[in-house]
Amino acid sequence: MSFRLAAYAVCMEDERVLLARHVSPKGESNWTLPGGRVEHGEDPFDAVIREVAEETGCDAAVERLLGVDSRVIPAADRPLPGLPEHQNVGIFYRVRITGGQLRPEPNGEIAESVWTPIPDVAGLRRSSLVDIGLALARTLPATGHVAPVPVGGLIQH
């Protein structure tokens, strides 16, 4: 099984959430939260700020820890045949944008970042991370955990 530790930013402002449009090497597109892999030796708190800057062009400040999500993606659901099962552990932070200007990720897979009205999110092809992050931000569970989001239709791994 492969493993990834990632930090994700839930940036909300005026009933909108900041989403990033990820385009895979195959050209498939879906919306996700700004964020990504925590490098070896990196603090997840620092990683989420770095990822927001890299992917969106914006400066960010962490307001609070929202929670942690752990999911196993079956080998059959991986993008390429022959890949093993994959565990993704995501640490979600409530983040405030403090400066900068939205732009595509240079030499990266984020084609654009957009402030999206929260009611419009349900109609987007998106990563389940978006729904997890919004649920954590809405409910602020004391455990830092919400039920897994079912994958299918517009919601992808």
N, C-alpha and C. Protein backbone atom coordinates (compact mmCIF):
# COMPACT_ATOMS: atom_id res chain seq x y z
N MET A 1 0.85 -1.18 0.00
CA MET A 1 0.00 0.00 0.00
C MET A 1 0.90 1.24 0.00
N SER A 2 0.54 2.21 -0.83
CA SER A 2 1.26 3.49 -0.80
C SER A 2 0.59 4.40 0.24
N PHE A 3 1.31 5.45 0.63
CA PHE A 3 0.84 6.33 1.70
C PHE A 3 1.19 7.78 1.37
N ARG A 4 0.30 8.69 1.73
CA ARG A 4 0.55 10.11 1.54
C ARG A 4 -0.04 10.88 2.71
N LEU A 5 0.76 11.79 3.27
CA LEU A 5 0.29 12.73 4.28
C LEU A 5 0.16 14.07 3.59
N ALA A 6 -1.01 14.69 3.71
CA ALA A 6 -1.27 15.94 3.01
C ALA A 6 -1.95 16.94 3.95
N ALA A 7 -1.79 18.21 3.62
CA ALA A 7 -2.44 19.29 4.37
C ALA A 7 -3.30 20.09 3.40
N TYR A 8 -4.55 20.37 3.79
CA TYR A 8 -5.50 21.05 2.92
C TYR A 8 -6.05 22.31 3.57
N ALA A 9 -6.29 23.34 2.74
CA ALA A 9 -6.79 24.62 3.20
C ALA A 9 -8.28 24.75 2.88
N VAL A 10 -9.06 25.06 3.90
CA VAL A 10 -10.46 25.40 3.71
C VAL A 10 -10.53 26.92 3.90
N CYS A 11 -10.58 27.63 2.77
CA CYS A 11 -10.62 29.10 2.77
C CYS A 11 -12.05 29.51 2.45
N MET A 12 -12.72 30.12 3.42
CA MET A 12 -14.10 30.53 3.22
C MET A 12 -14.22 32.02 3.49
N GLU A 13 -15.01 32.67 2.63
CA GLU A 13 -15.20 34.11 2.75
C GLU A 13 -16.53 34.48 2.08
N ASP A 14 -17.39 35.19 2.78
CA ASP A 14 -18.67 35.65 2.21
C ASP A 14 -19.46 34.53 1.54
N GLU A 15 -19.63 33.41 2.24
CA GLU A 15 -20.39 32.26 1.73
C GLU A 15 -19.78 31.67 0.46
N ARG A 16 -18.47 31.86 0.28
CA ARG A 16 -17.75 31.27 -0.84
C ARG A 16 -16.57 30.47 -0.29
N VAL A 17 -16.13 29.49 -1.08
CA VAL A 17 -14.96 28.69 -0.72
C VAL A 17 -13.97 28.77 -1.88
N LEU A 18 -12.70 28.81 -1.55
CA LEU A 18 -11.66 28.85 -2.58
C LEU A 18 -11.38 27.42 -3.05
N LEU A 19 -11.65 27.17 -4.34
CA LEU A 19 -11.40 25.87 -4.93
C LEU A 19 -10.33 25.99 -6.01
N ALA A 20 -9.60 24.90 -6.19
CA ALA A 20 -8.54 24.83 -7.21
C ALA A 20 -8.93 23.77 -8.22
N ARG A 21 -8.81 24.12 -9.52
CA ARG A 21 -9.15 23.14 -10.57
C ARG A 21 -7.90 22.36 -10.95
N HIS A 22 -7.91 21.09 -10.57
CA HIS A 22 -6.80 20.19 -10.84
C HIS A 22 -7.01 19.56 -12.21
N VAL A 23 -5.98 19.57 -13.04
CA VAL A 23 -6.02 18.92 -14.35
C VAL A 23 -4.96 17.82 -14.34
N SER A 24 -5.40 16.59 -14.52
CA SER A 24 -4.48 15.45 -14.50
C SER A 24 -3.65 15.42 -15.79
N PRO A 25 -2.57 14.66 -15.79
CA PRO A 25 -1.78 14.53 -17.02
C PRO A 25 -2.59 14.01 -18.21
N LYS A 26 -3.68 13.28 -17.92
CA LYS A 26 -4.56 12.80 -19.00
C LYS A 26 -5.52 13.88 -19.50
N GLY A 27 -5.54 15.03 -18.81
CA GLY A 27 -6.43 16.12 -19.20
C GLY A 27 -7.77 16.13 -18.48
N GLU A 28 -7.98 15.20 -17.55
CA GLU A 28 -9.22 15.19 -16.78
C GLU A 28 -9.16 16.28 -15.71
N SER A 29 -10.30 16.90 -15.47
CA SER A 29 -10.35 18.05 -14.57
C SER A 29 -11.34 17.80 -13.44
N ASN A 30 -10.96 18.21 -12.22
CA ASN A 30 -11.90 18.22 -11.11
C ASN A 30 -11.46 19.29 -10.11
N TRP A 31 -12.40 19.71 -9.29
CA TRP A 31 -12.14 20.76 -8.31
C TRP A 31 -11.71 20.14 -6.99
N THR A 32 -10.80 20.81 -6.31
CA THR A 32 -10.30 20.33 -5.04
C THR A 32 -9.99 21.53 -4.15
N LEU A 33 -9.55 21.25 -2.94
CA LEU A 33 -9.09 22.31 -2.05
C LEU A 33 -7.61 22.57 -2.31
N PRO A 34 -7.16 23.80 -2.13
CA PRO A 34 -5.72 24.03 -2.20
C PRO A 34 -5.03 23.19 -1.12
N GLY A 35 -3.94 22.59 -1.49
CA GLY A 35 -3.20 21.77 -0.53
C GLY A 35 -2.48 20.64 -1.21
N GLY A 36 -1.76 19.88 -0.42
CA GLY A 36 -1.04 18.76 -1.00
C GLY A 36 -0.08 18.13 -0.02
N ARG A 37 0.85 17.39 -0.57
CA ARG A 37 1.75 16.54 0.20
C ARG A 37 2.61 17.32 1.18
N VAL A 38 2.71 16.76 2.38
CA VAL A 38 3.62 17.27 3.40
C VAL A 38 4.98 16.63 3.10
N GLU A 39 5.99 17.45 2.89
CA GLU A 39 7.33 16.94 2.59
C GLU A 39 7.95 16.32 3.84
N HIS A 40 8.94 15.43 3.64
CA HIS A 40 9.64 14.82 4.77
C HIS A 40 10.24 15.90 5.65
N GLY A 41 9.98 15.81 6.95
CA GLY A 41 10.51 16.77 7.91
C GLY A 41 9.75 18.08 7.99
N GLU A 42 8.70 18.25 7.17
CA GLU A 42 7.93 19.50 7.14
C GLU A 42 6.76 19.41 8.12
N ASP A 43 6.48 20.50 8.80
CA ASP A 43 5.32 20.59 9.67
C ASP A 43 4.08 20.79 8.78
N PRO A 44 2.99 20.02 8.99
CA PRO A 44 1.78 20.20 8.18
C PRO A 44 1.25 21.64 8.21
N PHE A 45 1.42 22.34 9.33
CA PHE A 45 1.01 23.74 9.46
C PHE A 45 1.73 24.58 8.41
N ASP A 46 3.04 24.36 8.26
CA ASP A 46 3.82 25.09 7.25
C ASP A 46 3.49 24.61 5.85
N ALA A 47 3.21 23.32 5.71
CA ALA A 47 2.91 22.76 4.39
C ALA A 47 1.66 23.38 3.78
N VAL A 48 0.62 23.59 4.58
CA VAL A 48 -0.62 24.13 4.02
C VAL A 48 -0.41 25.56 3.54
N ILE A 49 0.37 26.34 4.25
CA ILE A 49 0.68 27.71 3.81
C ILE A 49 1.49 27.68 2.52
N ARG A 50 2.48 26.79 2.45
CA ARG A 50 3.31 26.65 1.24
C ARG A 50 2.45 26.22 0.06
N GLU A 51 1.59 25.23 0.27
CA GLU A 51 0.76 24.72 -0.82
C GLU A 51 -0.21 25.79 -1.34
N VAL A 52 -0.80 26.56 -0.45
CA VAL A 52 -1.70 27.64 -0.90
C VAL A 52 -0.92 28.61 -1.79
N ALA A 53 0.27 29.00 -1.36
CA ALA A 53 1.08 29.93 -2.15
C ALA A 53 1.45 29.33 -3.50
N GLU A 54 1.90 28.07 -3.52
CA GLU A 54 2.31 27.44 -4.77
C GLU A 54 1.15 27.30 -5.74
N GLU A 55 0.01 26.85 -5.24
CA GLU A 55 -1.11 26.52 -6.12
C GLU A 55 -1.95 27.72 -6.53
N THR A 56 -2.06 28.73 -5.65
CA THR A 56 -2.98 29.84 -5.93
C THR A 56 -2.30 31.18 -6.15
N GLY A 57 -1.06 31.34 -5.67
CA GLY A 57 -0.39 32.63 -5.73
C GLY A 57 -0.71 33.53 -4.55
N CYS A 58 -1.46 33.02 -3.59
CA CYS A 58 -1.89 33.84 -2.46
C CYS A 58 -1.13 33.49 -1.18
N ASP A 59 -1.00 34.50 -0.32
CA ASP A 59 -0.45 34.31 1.02
C ASP A 59 -1.60 33.90 1.93
N ALA A 60 -1.29 33.08 2.92
CA ALA A 60 -2.35 32.58 3.79
C ALA A 60 -1.88 32.53 5.23
N ALA A 61 -2.86 32.59 6.14
CA ALA A 61 -2.62 32.43 7.56
C ALA A 61 -3.57 31.36 8.07
N VAL A 62 -3.05 30.43 8.85
CA VAL A 62 -3.89 29.38 9.44
C VAL A 62 -4.66 29.97 10.60
N GLU A 63 -5.98 29.76 10.60
CA GLU A 63 -6.83 30.22 11.70
C GLU A 63 -7.06 29.14 12.74
N ARG A 64 -7.21 27.88 12.28
CA ARG A 64 -7.45 26.79 13.22
C ARG A 64 -7.34 25.45 12.51
N LEU A 65 -7.06 24.44 13.29
CA LEU A 65 -7.11 23.07 12.82
C LEU A 65 -8.58 22.65 12.78
N LEU A 66 -9.01 22.07 11.67
CA LEU A 66 -10.39 21.60 11.56
C LEU A 66 -10.52 20.11 11.87
N GLY A 67 -9.58 19.32 11.37
CA GLY A 67 -9.67 17.89 11.61
C GLY A 67 -8.77 17.10 10.70
N VAL A 68 -8.91 15.78 10.78
CA VAL A 68 -8.08 14.84 10.02
C VAL A 68 -9.00 13.83 9.36
N ASP A 69 -8.68 13.49 8.11
CA ASP A 69 -9.42 12.48 7.37
C ASP A 69 -8.43 11.43 6.88
N SER A 70 -8.77 10.17 7.07
CA SER A 70 -7.95 9.07 6.58
C SER A 70 -8.81 8.20 5.69
N ARG A 71 -8.32 7.94 4.49
CA ARG A 71 -9.09 7.11 3.57
C ARG A 71 -8.15 6.18 2.83
N VAL A 72 -8.65 4.99 2.50
CA VAL A 72 -7.92 4.04 1.68
C VAL A 72 -8.62 3.98 0.33
N ILE A 73 -7.84 4.20 -0.71
CA ILE A 73 -8.37 4.13 -2.07
C ILE A 73 -8.00 2.76 -2.63
N PRO A 74 -9.01 1.95 -2.96
CA PRO A 74 -8.73 0.61 -3.47
C PRO A 74 -7.92 0.66 -4.77
N ALA A 75 -7.14 -0.38 -5.00
CA ALA A 75 -6.31 -0.45 -6.22
C ALA A 75 -7.17 -0.28 -7.47
N ALA A 76 -8.38 -0.83 -7.46
CA ALA A 76 -9.26 -0.75 -8.64
C ALA A 76 -9.69 0.68 -8.95
N ASP A 77 -9.64 1.57 -7.96
CA ASP A 77 -10.05 2.96 -8.15
C ASP A 77 -8.87 3.88 -8.46
N ARG A 78 -7.66 3.35 -8.50
CA ARG A 78 -6.48 4.16 -8.79
C ARG A 78 -6.45 4.53 -10.27
N PRO A 79 -5.78 5.64 -10.63
CA PRO A 79 -5.83 6.11 -12.01
C PRO A 79 -5.13 5.22 -13.04
N LEU A 80 -4.17 4.42 -12.59
CA LEU A 80 -3.45 3.54 -13.52
C LEU A 80 -3.55 2.09 -13.04
N PRO A 81 -3.69 1.15 -13.98
CA PRO A 81 -3.72 -0.26 -13.58
C PRO A 81 -2.39 -0.66 -12.95
N GLY A 82 -2.47 -1.55 -11.97
CA GLY A 82 -1.27 -2.06 -11.33
C GLY A 82 -0.81 -1.27 -10.13
N LEU A 83 -1.40 -0.11 -9.88
CA LEU A 83 -1.02 0.65 -8.68
C LEU A 83 -1.63 -0.02 -7.45
N PRO A 84 -0.92 0.00 -6.32
CA PRO A 84 -1.46 -0.64 -5.11
C PRO A 84 -2.54 0.21 -4.46
N GLU A 85 -3.19 -0.37 -3.45
CA GLU A 85 -4.09 0.44 -2.62
C GLU A 85 -3.30 1.64 -2.11
N HIS A 86 -4.02 2.72 -1.80
CA HIS A 86 -3.34 3.95 -1.37
C HIS A 86 -4.08 4.54 -0.17
N GLN A 87 -3.32 4.87 0.89
CA GLN A 87 -3.91 5.56 2.02
C GLN A 87 -3.51 7.03 1.96
N ASN A 88 -4.50 7.90 2.05
CA ASN A 88 -4.27 9.34 2.11
C ASN A 88 -4.76 9.82 3.47
N VAL A 89 -3.86 10.44 4.23
CA VAL A 89 -4.23 11.07 5.49
C VAL A 89 -4.16 12.57 5.25
N GLY A 90 -5.30 13.22 5.37
CA GLY A 90 -5.39 14.66 5.13
C GLY A 90 -5.65 15.42 6.41
N ILE A 91 -4.85 16.46 6.62
CA ILE A 91 -5.03 17.36 7.76
C ILE A 91 -5.66 18.63 7.20
N PHE A 92 -6.82 19.00 7.74
CA PHE A 92 -7.58 20.14 7.22
C PHE A 92 -7.46 21.33 8.16
N TYR A 93 -7.14 22.49 7.58
CA TYR A 93 -7.02 23.73 8.35
C TYR A 93 -7.98 24.76 7.78
N ARG A 94 -8.56 25.56 8.68
CA ARG A 94 -9.28 26.76 8.26
C ARG A 94 -8.21 27.81 8.01
N VAL A 95 -8.19 28.38 6.81
CA VAL A 95 -7.14 29.29 6.38
C VAL A 95 -7.76 30.57 5.85
N ARG A 96 -7.13 31.68 6.14
CA ARG A 96 -7.56 33.00 5.66
C ARG A 96 -6.52 33.50 4.66
N ILE A 97 -7.00 33.98 3.52
CA ILE A 97 -6.11 34.58 2.52
C ILE A 97 -5.74 35.98 3.00
N THR A 98 -4.45 36.27 3.02
CA THR A 98 -3.98 37.56 3.56
C THR A 98 -3.35 38.45 2.49
N GLY A 99 -3.15 37.95 1.29
CA GLY A 99 -2.54 38.76 0.24
C GLY A 99 -2.30 37.93 -1.00
N GLY A 100 -1.71 38.59 -1.99
CA GLY A 100 -1.43 37.92 -3.26
C GLY A 100 -2.59 38.04 -4.22
N GLN A 101 -2.43 37.40 -5.36
CA GLN A 101 -3.44 37.45 -6.41
C GLN A 101 -3.59 36.06 -7.00
N LEU A 102 -4.84 35.61 -7.19
CA LEU A 102 -5.08 34.29 -7.74
C LEU A 102 -4.45 34.15 -9.12
N ARG A 103 -3.80 33.00 -9.35
CA ARG A 103 -3.19 32.70 -10.64
C ARG A 103 -3.06 31.19 -10.75
N PRO A 104 -2.86 30.66 -11.98
CA PRO A 104 -2.62 29.23 -12.13
C PRO A 104 -1.30 28.84 -11.48
N GLU A 105 -1.15 27.57 -11.15
CA GLU A 105 0.10 27.08 -10.58
C GLU A 105 1.15 27.00 -11.69
N PRO A 106 2.26 27.70 -11.54
CA PRO A 106 3.30 27.62 -12.57
C PRO A 106 3.87 26.19 -12.63
N ASN A 107 3.91 25.62 -13.83
CA ASN A 107 4.46 24.28 -14.05
C ASN A 107 3.81 23.23 -13.15
N GLY A 108 2.54 23.41 -12.85
CA GLY A 108 1.84 22.48 -11.97
C GLY A 108 0.55 22.00 -12.59
N GLU A 109 -0.24 21.31 -11.78
CA GLU A 109 -1.48 20.72 -12.26
C GLU A 109 -2.72 21.53 -11.88
N ILE A 110 -2.54 22.69 -11.21
CA ILE A 110 -3.68 23.53 -10.87
C ILE A 110 -3.83 24.60 -11.96
N ALA A 111 -4.91 24.46 -12.74
CA ALA A 111 -5.12 25.36 -13.88
C ALA A 111 -5.69 26.71 -13.46
N GLU A 112 -6.44 26.72 -12.36
CA GLU A 112 -7.02 27.97 -11.87
C GLU A 112 -7.53 27.75 -10.45
N SER A 113 -7.68 28.85 -9.73
CA SER A 113 -8.31 28.84 -8.41
C SER A 113 -9.42 29.88 -8.45
N VAL A 114 -10.58 29.53 -7.88
CA VAL A 114 -11.77 30.37 -8.01
C VAL A 114 -12.52 30.40 -6.69
N TRP A 115 -12.97 31.60 -6.30
CA TRP A 115 -13.89 31.71 -5.17
C TRP A 115 -15.26 31.24 -5.67
N THR A 116 -15.78 30.20 -5.06
CA THR A 116 -16.99 29.53 -5.53
C THR A 116 -18.09 29.64 -4.48
N PRO A 117 -19.29 30.10 -4.87
CA PRO A 117 -20.39 30.11 -3.89
C PRO A 117 -20.62 28.69 -3.36
N ILE A 118 -20.73 28.56 -2.05
CA ILE A 118 -20.85 27.25 -1.43
C ILE A 118 -22.03 26.44 -1.99
N PRO A 119 -23.21 27.06 -2.25
CA PRO A 119 -24.30 26.26 -2.83
C PRO A 119 -23.97 25.69 -4.21
N ASP A 120 -23.05 26.29 -4.96
CA ASP A 120 -22.69 25.82 -6.30
C ASP A 120 -21.77 24.61 -6.27
N VAL A 121 -21.14 24.33 -5.13
CA VAL A 121 -20.18 23.24 -5.04
C VAL A 121 -20.82 21.89 -5.38
N ALA A 122 -22.06 21.68 -4.97
CA ALA A 122 -22.73 20.39 -5.18
C ALA A 122 -22.84 20.02 -6.66
N GLY A 123 -22.82 20.99 -7.55
CA GLY A 123 -22.95 20.72 -8.98
C GLY A 123 -21.62 20.55 -9.70
N LEU A 124 -20.51 20.58 -8.97
CA LEU A 124 -19.18 20.49 -9.59
C LEU A 124 -18.63 19.08 -9.50
N ARG A 125 -17.87 18.69 -10.51
CA ARG A 125 -17.06 17.46 -10.43
C ARG A 125 -15.91 17.80 -9.49
N ARG A 126 -15.83 17.08 -8.36
CA ARG A 126 -14.91 17.50 -7.31
C ARG A 126 -14.34 16.32 -6.56
N SER A 127 -13.25 16.60 -5.87
CA SER A 127 -12.66 15.62 -4.97
C SER A 127 -13.51 15.52 -3.71
N SER A 128 -13.56 14.33 -3.14
CA SER A 128 -14.29 14.16 -1.88
C SER A 128 -13.67 15.02 -0.78
N LEU A 129 -12.42 15.46 -0.96
CA LEU A 129 -11.76 16.33 0.02
C LEU A 129 -12.53 17.64 0.21
N VAL A 130 -13.17 18.12 -0.86
CA VAL A 130 -13.95 19.36 -0.76
C VAL A 130 -15.09 19.17 0.23
N ASP A 131 -15.82 18.07 0.10
CA ASP A 131 -16.96 17.82 0.97
C ASP A 131 -16.51 17.59 2.41
N ILE A 132 -15.41 16.87 2.59
CA ILE A 132 -14.88 16.65 3.94
C ILE A 132 -14.50 17.99 4.58
N GLY A 133 -13.76 18.82 3.85
CA GLY A 133 -13.34 20.12 4.38
C GLY A 133 -14.51 21.01 4.73
N LEU A 134 -15.52 21.07 3.86
CA LEU A 134 -16.70 21.90 4.15
C LEU A 134 -17.47 21.36 5.35
N ALA A 135 -17.58 20.03 5.47
CA ALA A 135 -18.28 19.45 6.61
C ALA A 135 -17.55 19.76 7.91
N LEU A 136 -16.22 19.67 7.90
CA LEU A 136 -15.45 20.01 9.10
C LEU A 136 -15.63 21.48 9.46
N ALA A 137 -15.60 22.36 8.46
CA ALA A 137 -15.74 23.80 8.73
C ALA A 137 -17.14 24.14 9.25
N ARG A 138 -18.16 23.45 8.75
CA ARG A 138 -19.54 23.73 9.17
C ARG A 138 -19.82 23.23 10.58
N THR A 139 -19.33 22.02 10.89
CA THR A 139 -19.73 21.37 12.13
C THR A 139 -18.72 21.51 13.26
N LEU A 140 -17.46 21.78 12.94
CA LEU A 140 -16.39 21.90 13.94
C LEU A 140 -16.51 20.80 15.00
N PRO A 141 -16.47 19.52 14.57
CA PRO A 141 -16.64 18.44 15.54
C PRO A 141 -15.49 18.40 16.54
N ALA A 142 -15.82 18.15 17.78
CA ALA A 142 -14.81 18.09 18.84
C ALA A 142 -13.77 17.02 18.55
N THR A 143 -14.18 15.96 17.85
CA THR A 143 -13.25 14.87 17.53
C THR A 143 -12.38 15.19 16.33
N GLY A 144 -12.73 16.24 15.56
CA GLY A 144 -11.98 16.54 14.34
C GLY A 144 -12.20 15.52 13.25
N HIS A 145 -13.34 14.83 13.29
CA HIS A 145 -13.61 13.75 12.34
C HIS A 145 -15.06 13.82 11.89
N VAL A 146 -15.28 13.62 10.59
CA VAL A 146 -16.63 13.49 10.05
C VAL A 146 -16.72 12.17 9.31
N ALA A 147 -17.93 11.72 9.08
CA ALA A 147 -18.13 10.44 8.38
C ALA A 147 -17.53 10.51 6.98
N PRO A 148 -17.05 9.37 6.47
CA PRO A 148 -16.51 9.36 5.11
C PRO A 148 -17.56 9.81 4.09
N VAL A 149 -17.10 10.48 3.04
CA VAL A 149 -17.96 10.94 1.97
C VAL A 149 -18.01 9.83 0.92
N PRO A 150 -19.21 9.36 0.54
CA PRO A 150 -19.28 8.35 -0.51
C PRO A 150 -18.78 8.91 -1.83
N VAL A 151 -18.03 8.11 -2.56
CA VAL A 151 -17.47 8.51 -3.84
C VAL A 151 -18.35 7.96 -4.94
N GLY A 152 -18.61 8.79 -5.96
CA GLY A 152 -19.41 8.38 -7.11
C GLY A 152 -20.05 9.60 -7.73
N GLY A 153 -20.45 9.49 -8.98
CA GLY A 153 -21.04 10.63 -9.67
C GLY A 153 -20.05 11.76 -9.79
N LEU A 154 -20.42 12.93 -9.30
CA LEU A 154 -19.56 14.11 -9.38
C LEU A 154 -18.43 14.08 -8.36
N ILE A 155 -18.54 13.20 -7.35
CA ILE A 155 -17.53 13.17 -6.27
C ILE A 155 -16.50 12.08 -6.58
N GLN A 156 -15.25 12.49 -6.68
CA GLN A 156 -14.14 11.58 -7.01
C GLN A 156 -13.24 11.39 -5.79
N HIS A 157 -12.35 10.40 -5.87
CA HIS A 157 -11.33 10.22 -4.83
C HIS A 157 -10.38 11.39 -4.87
